[in-house]
Structures are given as structure tokens and as C-alpha cells.
Amino acid sequence: MKLHQLRWFNNRIGKRVYRDDSGCKCHTCKETTEKGLIVINKSHADYLYNIEHEYACDGFYLNYRDKL
């Protein structure tokens, strides 16, 4: 699994990104899988980058992408 660089998230500020289905049934995970989310600013891009890498350290890959 390839993790994104911070630049990848920063380049998507103002754009919608999607995440693969993780199997989690919570509202946030389902909505991010089905509808995606818009990276709203640099702080949000930093957060997504950090959380992607923190989860990967535990063997759980979020896999953000541009298309549904």
C-alpha cells in the first residue's frame, strides 16, 4: 500500500477525495466512502496526511483517492 505525501493532500485543497471502504459502519466512514470529502484548507490537508500515516503504523490503510 502506497501512502501519500503531504504534497498530495495540499494539492487537493478545495477538491473532493474519496476513501476505500474500511469496513467501519460509522456515519463518517460510510459518508467518506460514498460521497468523499472536500479538503478545505492546509490544516485539514495536514490532518488527513497525519491520520493516514498514524493508521498505517497500526496496519490499517485508509487509501484516499481522487475518484469514486
PDB file of N, CA and C in Angstrom:
ATOM      1  N   MET A   1       0.856  -1.182   0.000  1.00  0.00           N
ATOM      2  CA  MET A   1       0.000   0.000   0.000  1.00  0.00           C
ATOM      3  C   MET A   1       0.892   1.232   0.000  1.00  0.00           C
ATOM      4  N   LYS A   2       0.609   2.148  -0.896  1.00  0.00           N
ATOM      5  CA  LYS A   2       1.380   3.383  -1.002  1.00  0.00           C
ATOM      6  C   LYS A   2       0.711   4.489  -0.187  1.00  0.00           C
ATOM      7  N   LEU A   3       1.481   5.106   0.685  1.00  0.00           N
ATOM      8  CA  LEU A   3       0.967   6.242   1.445  1.00  0.00           C
ATOM      9  C   LEU A   3       1.249   7.520   0.665  1.00  0.00           C
ATOM     10  N   HIS A   4       0.347   8.473   0.777  1.00  0.00           N
ATOM     11  CA  HIS A   4       0.509   9.741   0.068  1.00  0.00           C
ATOM     12  C   HIS A   4       1.487  10.649   0.802  1.00  0.00           C
ATOM     13  N   GLN A   5       2.115  11.510   0.025  1.00  0.00           N
ATOM     14  CA  GLN A   5       2.951  12.551   0.611  1.00  0.00           C
ATOM     15  C   GLN A   5       2.056  13.720   0.974  1.00  0.00           C
ATOM     16  N   LEU A   6       2.533  14.555   1.876  1.00  0.00           N
ATOM     17  CA  LEU A   6       1.765  15.726   2.292  1.00  0.00           C
ATOM     18  C   LEU A   6       1.401  16.594   1.086  1.00  0.00           C
ATOM     19  N   ARG A   7       2.285  16.683   0.124  1.00  0.00           N
ATOM     20  CA  ARG A   7       2.034  17.476  -1.078  1.00  0.00           C
ATOM     21  C   ARG A   7       0.761  17.005  -1.794  1.00  0.00           C
ATOM     22  N   TRP A   8       0.504  15.687  -1.795  1.00  0.00           N
ATOM     23  CA  TRP A   8      -0.680  15.140  -2.456  1.00  0.00           C
ATOM     24  C   TRP A   8      -1.941  15.749  -1.843  1.00  0.00           C
ATOM     25  N   PHE A   9      -2.002  15.798  -0.508  1.00  0.00           N
ATOM     26  CA  PHE A   9      -3.170  16.372   0.170  1.00  0.00           C
ATOM     27  C   PHE A   9      -3.246  17.882  -0.052  1.00  0.00           C
ATOM     28  N   ASN A  10      -2.116  18.573   0.025  1.00  0.00           N
ATOM     29  CA  ASN A  10      -2.114  20.026  -0.208  1.00  0.00           C
ATOM     30  C   ASN A  10      -2.571  20.364  -1.613  1.00  0.00           C
ATOM     31  N   ASN A  11      -2.228  19.557  -2.596  1.00  0.00           N
ATOM     32  CA  ASN A  11      -2.649  19.785  -3.983  1.00  0.00           C
ATOM     33  C   ASN A  11      -4.148  19.585  -4.167  1.00  0.00           C
ATOM     34  N   ARG A  12      -4.811  19.012  -3.209  1.00  0.00           N
ATOM     35  CA  ARG A  12      -6.245  18.737  -3.313  1.00  0.00           C
ATOM     36  C   ARG A  12      -7.098  19.655  -2.449  1.00  0.00           C
ATOM     37  N   ILE A  13      -6.501  20.703  -1.904  1.00  0.00           N
ATOM     38  CA  ILE A  13      -7.286  21.685  -1.152  1.00  0.00           C
ATOM     39  C   ILE A  13      -8.341  22.259  -2.088  1.00  0.00           C
ATOM     40  N   GLY A  14      -9.588  22.236  -1.633  1.00  0.00           N
ATOM     41  CA  GLY A  14     -10.718  22.699  -2.435  1.00  0.00           C
ATOM     42  C   GLY A  14     -11.297  21.630  -3.340  1.00  0.00           C
ATOM     43  N   LYS A  15     -10.728  20.435  -3.310  1.00  0.00           N
ATOM     44  CA  LYS A  15     -11.195  19.337  -4.157  1.00  0.00           C
ATOM     45  C   LYS A  15     -11.723  18.187  -3.302  1.00  0.00           C
ATOM     46  N   ARG A  16     -12.521  17.334  -3.923  1.00  0.00           N
ATOM     47  CA  ARG A  16     -13.098  16.183  -3.241  1.00  0.00           C
ATOM     48  C   ARG A  16     -12.176  14.975  -3.375  1.00  0.00           C
ATOM     49  N   VAL A  17     -11.968  14.267  -2.261  1.00  0.00           N
ATOM     50  CA  VAL A  17     -11.229  13.000  -2.261  1.00  0.00           C
ATOM     51  C   VAL A  17     -12.126  11.933  -1.645  1.00  0.00           C
ATOM     52  N   TYR A  18     -11.855  10.704  -2.001  1.00  0.00           N
ATOM     53  CA  TYR A  18     -12.634   9.565  -1.523  1.00  0.00           C
ATOM     54  C   TYR A  18     -11.710   8.615  -0.771  1.00  0.00           C
ATOM     55  N   ARG A  19     -12.304   7.734  -0.009  1.00  0.00           N
ATOM     56  CA  ARG A  19     -11.546   6.732   0.725  1.00  0.00           C
ATOM     57  C   ARG A  19     -12.167   5.372   0.484  1.00  0.00           C
ATOM     58  N   ASP A  20     -11.332   4.355   0.350  1.00  0.00           N
ATOM     59  CA  ASP A  20     -11.836   2.999   0.171  1.00  0.00           C
ATOM     60  C   ASP A  20     -12.650   2.568   1.383  1.00  0.00           C
ATOM     61  N   ASP A  21     -13.559   1.654   1.165  1.00  0.00           N
ATOM     62  CA  ASP A  21     -14.386   1.109   2.242  1.00  0.00           C
ATOM     63  C   ASP A  21     -13.493   0.372   3.231  1.00  0.00           C
ATOM     64  N   SER A  22     -13.523   0.801   4.477  1.00  0.00           N
ATOM     65  CA  SER A  22     -12.690   0.200   5.513  1.00  0.00           C
ATOM     66  C   SER A  22     -13.410  -0.915   6.259  1.00  0.00           C
ATOM     67  N   GLY A  23     -14.712  -1.033   6.019  1.00  0.00           N
ATOM     68  CA  GLY A  23     -15.497  -2.000   6.767  1.00  0.00           C
ATOM     69  C   GLY A  23     -16.146  -1.390   7.999  1.00  0.00           C
ATOM     70  N   CYS A  24     -15.695  -0.192   8.368  1.00  0.00           N
ATOM     71  CA  CYS A  24     -16.273   0.508   9.516  1.00  0.00           C
ATOM     72  C   CYS A  24     -17.671   0.984   9.136  1.00  0.00           C
ATOM     73  N   LYS A  25     -18.622   0.835  10.037  1.00  0.00           N
ATOM     74  CA  LYS A  25     -20.016   1.189   9.754  1.00  0.00           C
ATOM     75  C   LYS A  25     -20.427   2.544  10.319  1.00  0.00           C
ATOM     76  N   CYS A  26     -19.470   3.298  10.895  1.00  0.00           N
ATOM     77  CA  CYS A  26     -19.847   4.601  11.458  1.00  0.00           C
ATOM     78  C   CYS A  26     -20.227   5.563  10.332  1.00  0.00           C
ATOM     79  N   HIS A  27     -21.003   6.559  10.671  1.00  0.00           N
ATOM     80  CA  HIS A  27     -21.517   7.526   9.697  1.00  0.00           C
ATOM     81  C   HIS A  27     -20.388   8.211   8.920  1.00  0.00           C
ATOM     82  N   THR A  28     -19.362   8.639   9.609  1.00  0.00           N
ATOM     83  CA  THR A  28     -18.264   9.360   8.960  1.00  0.00           C
ATOM     84  C   THR A  28     -17.550   8.494   7.934  1.00  0.00           C
ATOM     85  N   CYS A  29     -17.231   7.271   8.290  1.00  0.00           N
ATOM     86  CA  CYS A  29     -16.538   6.375   7.355  1.00  0.00           C
ATOM     87  C   CYS A  29     -17.413   6.040   6.156  1.00  0.00           C
ATOM     88  N   LYS A  30     -18.694   5.749   6.395  1.00  0.00           N
ATOM     89  CA  LYS A  30     -19.600   5.439   5.288  1.00  0.00           C
ATOM     90  C   LYS A  30     -19.733   6.621   4.341  1.00  0.00           C
ATOM     91  N   GLU A  31     -19.874   7.818   4.887  1.00  0.00           N
ATOM     92  CA  GLU A  31     -20.051   9.007   4.058  1.00  0.00           C
ATOM     93  C   GLU A  31     -18.780   9.338   3.266  1.00  0.00           C
ATOM     94  N   THR A  32     -17.620   9.166   3.877  1.00  0.00           N
ATOM     95  CA  THR A  32     -16.363   9.432   3.178  1.00  0.00           C
ATOM     96  C   THR A  32     -16.153   8.440   2.044  1.00  0.00           C
ATOM     97  N   THR A  33     -16.606   7.218   2.235  1.00  0.00           N
ATOM     98  CA  THR A  33     -16.509   6.208   1.187  1.00  0.00           C
ATOM     99  C   THR A  33     -17.480   6.507   0.054  1.00  0.00           C
ATOM    100  N   GLU A  34     -18.711   6.862   0.399  1.00  0.00           N
ATOM    101  CA  GLU A  34     -19.762   7.037  -0.603  1.00  0.00           C
ATOM    102  C   GLU A  34     -19.758   8.409  -1.276  1.00  0.00           C
ATOM    103  N   LYS A  35     -19.499   9.471  -0.500  1.00  0.00           N
ATOM    104  CA  LYS A  35     -19.611  10.830  -1.031  1.00  0.00           C
ATOM    105  C   LYS A  35     -18.283  11.573  -1.073  1.00  0.00           C
ATOM    106  N   GLY A  36     -17.278  11.038  -0.403  1.00  0.00           N
ATOM    107  CA  GLY A  36     -15.995  11.710  -0.337  1.00  0.00           C
ATOM    108  C   GLY A  36     -16.030  12.880   0.624  1.00  0.00           C
ATOM    109  N   LEU A  37     -14.941  13.620   0.639  1.00  0.00           N
ATOM    110  CA  LEU A  37     -14.873  14.826   1.451  1.00  0.00           C
ATOM    111  C   LEU A  37     -14.020  15.846   0.724  1.00  0.00           C
ATOM    112  N   ILE A  38     -14.278  17.106   0.999  1.00  0.00           N
ATOM    113  CA  ILE A  38     -13.518  18.179   0.375  1.00  0.00           C
ATOM    114  C   ILE A  38     -12.435  18.609   1.345  1.00  0.00           C
ATOM    115  N   VAL A  39     -11.203  18.636   0.867  1.00  0.00           N
ATOM    116  CA  VAL A  39     -10.082  19.109   1.676  1.00  0.00           C
ATOM    117  C   VAL A  39     -10.217  20.628   1.733  1.00  0.00           C
ATOM    118  N   ILE A  40     -10.514  21.162   2.924  1.00  0.00           N
ATOM    119  CA  ILE A  40     -10.917  22.565   2.998  1.00  0.00           C
ATOM    120  C   ILE A  40      -9.781  23.570   3.142  1.00  0.00           C
ATOM    121  N   ASN A  41      -8.682  23.167   3.761  1.00  0.00           N
ATOM    122  CA  ASN A  41      -7.565  24.100   3.921  1.00  0.00           C
ATOM    123  C   ASN A  41      -6.293  23.322   4.267  1.00  0.00           C
ATOM    124  N   LYS A  42      -5.198  24.052   4.483  1.00  0.00           N
ATOM    125  CA  LYS A  42      -3.922  23.412   4.758  1.00  0.00           C
ATOM    126  C   LYS A  42      -3.968  22.608   6.055  1.00  0.00           C
ATOM    127  N   SER A  43      -4.636  23.102   7.070  1.00  0.00           N
ATOM    128  CA  SER A  43      -4.738  22.363   8.336  1.00  0.00           C
ATOM    129  C   SER A  43      -5.471  21.038   8.130  1.00  0.00           C
ATOM    130  N   HIS A  44      -6.501  21.049   7.323  1.00  0.00           N
ATOM    131  CA  HIS A  44      -7.254  19.836   7.031  1.00  0.00           C
ATOM    132  C   HIS A  44      -6.384  18.857   6.242  1.00  0.00           C
ATOM    133  N   ALA A  45      -5.618  19.375   5.268  1.00  0.00           N
ATOM    134  CA  ALA A  45      -4.699  18.531   4.493  1.00  0.00           C
ATOM    135  C   ALA A  45      -3.658  17.895   5.419  1.00  0.00           C
ATOM    136  N   ASP A  46      -3.117  18.679   6.347  1.00  0.00           N
ATOM    137  CA  ASP A  46      -2.145  18.158   7.319  1.00  0.00           C
ATOM    138  C   ASP A  46      -2.766  17.051   8.163  1.00  0.00           C
ATOM    139  N   TYR A  47      -4.002  17.280   8.610  1.00  0.00           N
ATOM    140  CA  TYR A  47      -4.704  16.282   9.427  1.00  0.00           C
ATOM    141  C   TYR A  47      -4.886  14.974   8.657  1.00  0.00           C
ATOM    142  N   LEU A  48      -5.363  15.059   7.419  1.00  0.00           N
ATOM    143  CA  LEU A  48      -5.587  13.848   6.623  1.00  0.00           C
ATOM    144  C   LEU A  48      -4.277  13.091   6.394  1.00  0.00           C
ATOM    145  N   TYR A  49      -3.221  13.822   6.117  1.00  0.00           N
ATOM    146  CA  TYR A  49      -1.901  13.210   5.937  1.00  0.00           C
ATOM    147  C   TYR A  49      -1.469  12.486   7.221  1.00  0.00           C
ATOM    148  N   ASN A  50      -1.566  13.182   8.336  1.00  0.00           N
ATOM    149  CA  ASN A  50      -1.128  12.593   9.610  1.00  0.00           C
ATOM    150  C   ASN A  50      -1.956  11.383  10.007  1.00  0.00           C
ATOM    151  N   ILE A  51      -3.263  11.461   9.848  1.00  0.00           N
ATOM    152  CA  ILE A  51      -4.119  10.347  10.251  1.00  0.00           C
ATOM    153  C   ILE A  51      -3.902   9.151   9.338  1.00  0.00           C
ATOM    154  N   GLU A  52      -3.666   9.395   8.042  1.00  0.00           N
ATOM    155  CA  GLU A  52      -3.379   8.296   7.123  1.00  0.00           C
ATOM    156  C   GLU A  52      -2.123   7.544   7.584  1.00  0.00           C
ATOM    157  N   HIS A  53      -1.098   8.278   7.970  1.00  0.00           N
ATOM    158  CA  HIS A  53       0.151   7.649   8.392  1.00  0.00           C
ATOM    159  C   HIS A  53       0.053   7.009   9.779  1.00  0.00           C
ATOM    160  N   GLU A  54      -0.685   7.635  10.686  1.00  0.00           N
ATOM    161  CA  GLU A  54      -0.870   7.040  12.021  1.00  0.00           C
ATOM    162  C   GLU A  54      -1.608   5.704  11.928  1.00  0.00           C
ATOM    163  N   TYR A  55      -2.662   5.667  11.140  1.00  0.00           N
ATOM    164  CA  TYR A  55      -3.402   4.413  10.971  1.00  0.00           C
ATOM    165  C   TYR A  55      -2.528   3.347  10.318  1.00  0.00           C
ATOM    166  N   ALA A  56      -1.703   3.749   9.342  1.00  0.00           N
ATOM    167  CA  ALA A  56      -0.822   2.794   8.655  1.00  0.00           C
ATOM    168  C   ALA A  56       0.175   2.160   9.624  1.00  0.00           C
ATOM    169  N   CYS A  57       0.609   2.915  10.616  1.00  0.00           N
ATOM    170  CA  CYS A  57       1.530   2.360  11.627  1.00  0.00           C
ATOM    171  C   CYS A  57       0.880   1.195  12.366  1.00  0.00           C
ATOM    172  N   ASP A  58      -0.435   1.199  12.446  1.00  0.00           N
ATOM    173  CA  ASP A  58      -1.176   0.119  13.105  1.00  0.00           C
ATOM    174  C   ASP A  58      -1.650  -0.936  12.114  1.00  0.00           C
ATOM    175  N   GLY A  59      -1.218  -0.805  10.846  1.00  0.00           N
ATOM    176  CA  GLY A  59      -1.582  -1.793   9.833  1.00  0.00           C
ATOM    177  C   GLY A  59      -2.953  -1.582   9.215  1.00  0.00           C
ATOM    178  N   PHE A  60      -3.503  -0.383   9.356  1.00  0.00           N
ATOM    179  CA  PHE A  60      -4.835  -0.070   8.832  1.00  0.00           C
ATOM    180  C   PHE A  60      -4.683   1.036   7.797  1.00  0.00           C
ATOM    181  N   TYR A  61      -4.917   0.736   6.529  1.00  0.00           N
ATOM    182  CA  TYR A  61      -4.667   1.690   5.449  1.00  0.00           C
ATOM    183  C   TYR A  61      -5.963   2.330   4.979  1.00  0.00           C
ATOM    184  N   LEU A  62      -6.002   3.665   4.982  1.00  0.00           N
ATOM    185  CA  LEU A  62      -7.197   4.397   4.617  1.00  0.00           C
ATOM    186  C   LEU A  62      -7.360   4.562   3.107  1.00  0.00           C
ATOM    187  N   ASN A  63      -6.279   4.639   2.358  1.00  0.00           N
ATOM    188  CA  ASN A  63      -6.286   4.705   0.896  1.00  0.00           C
ATOM    189  C   ASN A  63      -7.211   5.799   0.335  1.00  0.00           C
ATOM    190  N   TYR A  64      -6.786   7.030   0.458  1.00  0.00           N
ATOM    191  CA  TYR A  64      -7.502   8.146  -0.162  1.00  0.00           C
ATOM    192  C   TYR A  64      -7.213   8.155  -1.659  1.00  0.00           C
ATOM    193  N   ARG A  65      -8.196   8.633  -2.448  1.00  0.00           N
ATOM    194  CA  ARG A  65      -8.043   8.674  -3.901  1.00  0.00           C
ATOM    195  C   ARG A  65      -8.912   9.791  -4.461  1.00  0.00           C
ATOM    196  N   ASP A  66      -8.708  10.081  -5.734  1.00  0.00           N
ATOM    197  CA  ASP A  66      -9.422  11.201  -6.370  1.00  0.00           C
ATOM    198  C   ASP A  66     -10.789  10.828  -6.910  1.00  0.00           C
ATOM    199  N   LYS A  67     -10.975   9.594  -7.322  1.00  0.00           N
ATOM    200  CA  LYS A  67     -12.219   9.205  -7.989  1.00  0.00           C
ATOM    201  C   LYS A  67     -13.004   8.187  -7.181  1.00  0.00           C
ATOM    202  N   LEU A  68     -14.321   8.247  -7.335  1.00  0.00           N
ATOM    203  CA  LEU A  68     -15.227   7.311  -6.659  1.00  0.00           C
ATOM    204  C   LEU A  68     -15.077   5.918  -7.146  1.00  0.00           C
TER     205      LEU A  68
END
